[in-house]
């Protein structure tokens, strides 16, 4: 189905797009970058031309061979060994957060007290962001999330757009400076691994480092935080699933995570540009046409998922596209998100077995990110 696009403040007017909503067609498009290109941008409408000169060209907007070059360099530093090494640190961080929750009293906002601090702490530790910069990182990531939402009025949208642009530019510049420091004096962190990686004579440029680290902290904080918050909400709303999870946590948590990600789909869509004539479900697409792949819809496709609107932590198989589909753009941080969610729910249910969400969560009004801005809880 074709959709026209209204004028969006701060962005070029779009020429409209075709919506792809079924699981089969979404996964086929994700696995076929030769036809469904990420270049020049996965954003629809696309950002203005000057944006890439300020922020750098993120790897999500690239196809092979450019994308493959960046992924080869980055993947060497983003290894299972590094993630496994983090488990002790993630557990310690989770328990410090729970200590503060207990000291605070029997309730509060789960987003600001638990989900955001853990997600931000983990990704900043991993990347190598010094403590003095962390509040700045969190503020700018939240401004970006806010910018994906619906803002009433032209002026408020423009103000938020300007604030977001300044914030993301500052974030990129901070990572470039940290990269220069780590080249001189390496540490045990991801930035050091990235700036000192030399794969077949290739290494990241300053612009590439800034763009990648900005993408990593933005996606890392928001995706993990939303997964944790929605997870507590769903396990509260479905007490029989919570009881089942707690009956054998080690057995059920891996499939519970996949079901939370499927059911919620934190990143709800992405865009592609058609490179050559192609047909999808009888619709002829021409070079230059824009398509939007709706992950949230694909994850509720009744031809793939039995009872797709049912939250079932034992669902198996569960070929959701919450992290993308197998292919060149599958989420590098998927295993990190899984680890964070495993640790926080294991420690929470061990130390605060009565914890549950209360009241109505406050939803981010966005067609891109399925996020919560507030979730009250008690224990």
Foldseek 3Di string as FASTA:
>chain_A
DWDAFDDDPQADHFRTAAEDFAQVVQQVLLACCVFWPLPPHFDVVDGDPCLCVLQNRALSSHDPPVNVVVCVLLDVLLDVVLLVVCLVVLLVQLVVLVVVVVVVAFKDWCLVRHQLSSLLVSLCQQAVPDPVCSVLLSVLLVLVLLLQFDDPDDVVNVVSVVVNSVSLSVQLVVQLVVLVVCVVPNDNHSSVSQSPGADPNDGDDSSRRSNHSNVCSSCRNFVLSQLQQLLQAVCQVVVVQVVVCVVPVVVQLVLLSLLSLLQQLFFFKTKTFGCAWDDDPNDTDHGGHMYMYGQNSNSQNCVVFPVSNDRDSVDPPRQGQSQHHPHSRRHSCPVVSSSSNSSNVVVCCVVPVPKHWDDDFAFRRHPGGGGTPTTMIGD
